[in-house]
């Protein structure tokens, strides 16, 4: 069993900052890509940022220059530093990880966290 537990969401004023964290635990051999998705009311879930095991990052255009994704491979954690937040960033944010649970045979599965609410409002 693998679990992803998120923390750090909340209510913040426009222009403010929040830092989301996600910790993976369980039967983990290694973790490949980790990322953050978000889903606003009435909208589809969208990829916000992804980071590879080697540290390469990618962001959706709307957050470039404002959000930074990082990870600690030893601690099996991923973080999302969100600066200059806008009302349109309001959503439930989900952590995602591609987890290798076995090497022989190689088995890799995608896991999701439970989601954390981020609300940007004055």
C-alpha atoms as a PDB file:
ATOM      1  CA  UNK A   1       0.000   0.000   0.000  1.00  0.00           C
ATOM      2  CA  UNK A   2       1.170   3.503  -0.861  1.00  0.00           C
ATOM      3  CA  UNK A   3      -0.220   6.692   0.604  1.00  0.00           C
ATOM      4  CA  UNK A   4       0.262  10.318  -0.379  1.00  0.00           C
ATOM      5  CA  UNK A   5      -0.625  12.848   2.301  1.00  0.00           C
ATOM      6  CA  UNK A   6      -0.858  16.528   1.448  1.00  0.00           C
ATOM      7  CA  UNK A   7      -0.690  19.540   3.725  1.00  0.00           C
ATOM      8  CA  UNK A   8      -0.441  23.296   3.500  1.00  0.00           C
ATOM      9  CA  UNK A   9      -3.637  24.450   1.841  1.00  0.00           C
ATOM     10  CA  UNK A  10      -5.797  27.259   3.154  1.00  0.00           C
ATOM     11  CA  UNK A  11      -7.198  30.714   2.575  1.00  0.00           C
ATOM     12  CA  UNK A  12      -4.908  33.463   1.346  1.00  0.00           C
ATOM     13  CA  UNK A  13      -5.392  36.949  -0.043  1.00  0.00           C
ATOM     14  CA  UNK A  14      -4.538  37.743  -3.667  1.00  0.00           C
ATOM     15  CA  UNK A  15      -0.822  38.325  -3.996  1.00  0.00           C
ATOM     16  CA  UNK A  16      -0.060  36.071  -1.059  1.00  0.00           C
ATOM     17  CA  UNK A  17       1.871  32.828  -0.830  1.00  0.00           C
ATOM     18  CA  UNK A  18       1.277  29.244   0.234  1.00  0.00           C
ATOM     19  CA  UNK A  19       3.477  26.183   0.325  1.00  0.00           C
ATOM     20  CA  UNK A  20       1.955  22.764  -0.302  1.00  0.00           C
ATOM     21  CA  UNK A  21       3.691  19.597   0.778  1.00  0.00           C
ATOM     22  CA  UNK A  22       3.070  15.946  -0.004  1.00  0.00           C
ATOM     23  CA  UNK A  23       4.669  12.964   1.700  1.00  0.00           C
ATOM     24  CA  UNK A  24       4.651   9.461   0.239  1.00  0.00           C
ATOM     25  CA  UNK A  25       4.791   6.383   2.434  1.00  0.00           C
ATOM     26  CA  UNK A  26       4.312   2.640   2.189  1.00  0.00           C
ATOM     27  CA  UNK A  27       5.775  -0.078   0.002  1.00  0.00           C
ATOM     28  CA  UNK A  28       7.916   2.146  -2.211  1.00  0.00           C
ATOM     29  CA  UNK A  29      10.983   1.038  -4.110  1.00  0.00           C
ATOM     30  CA  UNK A  30      11.438   4.343  -5.891  1.00  0.00           C
ATOM     31  CA  UNK A  31       9.421   7.266  -7.239  1.00  0.00           C
ATOM     32  CA  UNK A  32       9.680   8.568 -10.777  1.00  0.00           C
ATOM     33  CA  UNK A  33       7.636  11.644 -11.670  1.00  0.00           C
ATOM     34  CA  UNK A  34       5.867  13.588  -8.942  1.00  0.00           C
ATOM     35  CA  UNK A  35       3.466  16.393  -9.590  1.00  0.00           C
ATOM     36  CA  UNK A  36       0.645  18.645  -8.573  1.00  0.00           C
ATOM     37  CA  UNK A  37      -2.744  18.841 -10.228  1.00  0.00           C
ATOM     38  CA  UNK A  38      -5.669  21.087  -9.418  1.00  0.00           C
ATOM     39  CA  UNK A  39      -9.382  21.046  -9.980  1.00  0.00           C
ATOM     40  CA  UNK A  40     -11.557  24.118  -9.733  1.00  0.00           C
ATOM     41  CA  UNK A  41     -15.350  23.870  -9.361  1.00  0.00           C
ATOM     42  CA  UNK A  42     -16.953  22.940 -12.657  1.00  0.00           C
ATOM     43  CA  UNK A  43     -13.623  22.401 -14.381  1.00  0.00           C
ATOM     44  CA  UNK A  44     -11.499  19.423 -15.318  1.00  0.00           C
ATOM     45  CA  UNK A  45      -8.458  18.460 -13.294  1.00  0.00           C
ATOM     46  CA  UNK A  46      -5.363  20.048 -14.794  1.00  0.00           C
ATOM     47  CA  UNK A  47      -1.651  19.479 -14.402  1.00  0.00           C
ATOM     48  CA  UNK A  48       0.026  22.363 -12.581  1.00  0.00           C
ATOM     49  CA  UNK A  49       3.629  21.222 -12.281  1.00  0.00           C
ATOM     50  CA  UNK A  50       5.685  18.050 -12.557  1.00  0.00           C
ATOM     51  CA  UNK A  51       9.193  17.126 -11.439  1.00  0.00           C
ATOM     52  CA  UNK A  52      11.217  14.097 -12.503  1.00  0.00           C
ATOM     53  CA  UNK A  53      13.380  12.020 -10.184  1.00  0.00           C
ATOM     54  CA  UNK A  54      16.372  13.875 -11.623  1.00  0.00           C
ATOM     55  CA  UNK A  55      14.893  17.269 -10.801  1.00  0.00           C
ATOM     56  CA  UNK A  56      13.680  18.442 -14.215  1.00  0.00           C
ATOM     57  CA  UNK A  57      10.551  20.538 -13.923  1.00  0.00           C
ATOM     58  CA  UNK A  58       7.650  21.591 -16.091  1.00  0.00           C
ATOM     59  CA  UNK A  59       4.782  23.996 -15.421  1.00  0.00           C
ATOM     60  CA  UNK A  60       1.500  24.920 -16.955  1.00  0.00           C
ATOM     61  CA  UNK A  61       1.716  28.362 -18.551  1.00  0.00           C
ATOM     62  CA  UNK A  62      -0.599  30.083 -16.094  1.00  0.00           C
ATOM     63  CA  UNK A  63       1.722  29.445 -13.128  1.00  0.00           C
ATOM     64  CA  UNK A  64       5.146  29.908 -14.726  1.00  0.00           C
ATOM     65  CA  UNK A  65       7.207  32.413 -12.782  1.00  0.00           C
ATOM     66  CA  UNK A  66       4.915  32.201  -9.748  1.00  0.00           C
ATOM     67  CA  UNK A  67       4.996  28.552  -8.649  1.00  0.00           C
ATOM     68  CA  UNK A  68       8.013  26.378  -7.915  1.00  0.00           C
ATOM     69  CA  UNK A  69       7.945  22.608  -7.543  1.00  0.00           C
ATOM     70  CA  UNK A  70      10.665  20.789  -5.630  1.00  0.00           C
ATOM     71  CA  UNK A  71      11.245  17.359  -4.120  1.00  0.00           C
ATOM     72  CA  UNK A  72      13.342  15.536  -1.591  1.00  0.00           C
ATOM     73  CA  UNK A  73      13.974  12.020  -2.856  1.00  0.00           C
ATOM     74  CA  UNK A  74      15.327  10.765   0.460  1.00  0.00           C
ATOM     75  CA  UNK A  75      12.242  11.940   2.348  1.00  0.00           C
ATOM     76  CA  UNK A  76       9.860  11.001  -0.503  1.00  0.00           C
ATOM     77  CA  UNK A  77       8.303  14.442  -0.441  1.00  0.00           C
ATOM     78  CA  UNK A  78       7.255  16.970  -3.061  1.00  0.00           C
ATOM     79  CA  UNK A  79       6.475  20.625  -2.467  1.00  0.00           C
ATOM     80  CA  UNK A  80       4.756  23.407  -4.365  1.00  0.00           C
ATOM     81  CA  UNK A  81       5.705  26.951  -3.448  1.00  0.00           C
ATOM     82  CA  UNK A  82       2.974  29.245  -4.726  1.00  0.00           C
ATOM     83  CA  UNK A  83       3.663  32.966  -4.847  1.00  0.00           C
ATOM     84  CA  UNK A  84       1.682  35.923  -6.156  1.00  0.00           C
ATOM     85  CA  UNK A  85      -1.498  33.891  -5.887  1.00  0.00           C
ATOM     86  CA  UNK A  86      -4.540  34.921  -7.900  1.00  0.00           C
ATOM     87  CA  UNK A  87      -8.249  34.194  -7.374  1.00  0.00           C
ATOM     88  CA  UNK A  88      -8.119  31.929 -10.424  1.00  0.00           C
ATOM     89  CA  UNK A  89      -5.655  29.690  -8.569  1.00  0.00           C
ATOM     90  CA  UNK A  90      -8.507  28.691  -6.253  1.00  0.00           C
ATOM     91  CA  UNK A  91      -8.951  24.925  -6.509  1.00  0.00           C
ATOM     92  CA  UNK A  92      -8.424  21.624  -4.789  1.00  0.00           C
ATOM     93  CA  UNK A  93      -4.788  20.699  -5.283  1.00  0.00           C
ATOM     94  CA  UNK A  94      -3.818  17.032  -5.628  1.00  0.00           C
ATOM     95  CA  UNK A  95      -0.424  15.442  -5.289  1.00  0.00           C
ATOM     96  CA  UNK A  96       0.477  12.692  -7.751  1.00  0.00           C
ATOM     97  CA  UNK A  97       3.353  10.214  -7.872  1.00  0.00           C
ATOM     98  CA  UNK A  98       4.509   7.456 -10.219  1.00  0.00           C
ATOM     99  CA  UNK A  99       5.653   4.845  -7.722  1.00  0.00           C
ATOM    100  CA  UNK A 100       7.761   1.788  -8.487  1.00  0.00           C
ATOM    101  CA  UNK A 101       6.611  -0.855  -6.002  1.00  0.00           C
ATOM    102  CA  UNK A 102       8.603  -3.771  -7.398  1.00  0.00           C
ATOM    103  CA  UNK A 103      11.641  -4.218  -9.625  1.00  0.00           C
ATOM    104  CA  UNK A 104      11.321  -7.904 -10.479  1.00  0.00           C
ATOM    105  CA  UNK A 105       8.928  -7.780 -12.123  1.00  0.00           C
ATOM    106  CA  UNK A 106       8.919  -4.015 -12.597  1.00  0.00           C
ATOM    107  CA  UNK A 107       5.625  -2.692 -11.364  1.00  0.00           C
ATOM    108  CA  UNK A 108       4.801   1.022 -11.398  1.00  0.00           C
ATOM    109  CA  UNK A 109       1.520   2.610 -10.410  1.00  0.00           C
ATOM    110  CA  UNK A 110       0.156   6.118 -10.180  1.00  0.00           C
ATOM    111  CA  UNK A 111      -1.086   7.311  -6.818  1.00  0.00           C
ATOM    112  CA  UNK A 112      -3.065  10.372  -5.758  1.00  0.00           C
ATOM    113  CA  UNK A 113      -3.313  12.288  -2.551  1.00  0.00           C
ATOM    114  CA  UNK A 114      -6.649  13.175  -1.017  1.00  0.00           C
ATOM    115  CA  UNK A 115      -6.493  16.819  -2.093  1.00  0.00           C
ATOM    116  CA  UNK A 116      -6.064  20.080  -0.222  1.00  0.00           C
ATOM    117  CA  UNK A 117      -8.173  23.193  -0.729  1.00  0.00           C
ATOM    118  CA  UNK A 118      -6.502  26.430  -1.783  1.00  0.00           C
ATOM    119  CA  UNK A 119      -8.722  29.504  -1.740  1.00  0.00           C
ATOM    120  CA  UNK A 120      -7.461  32.874  -2.940  1.00  0.00           C
ATOM    121  CA  UNK A 121      -9.854  35.618  -1.924  1.00  0.00           C
ATOM    122  CA  UNK A 122      -9.937  39.018  -0.275  1.00  0.00           C
END
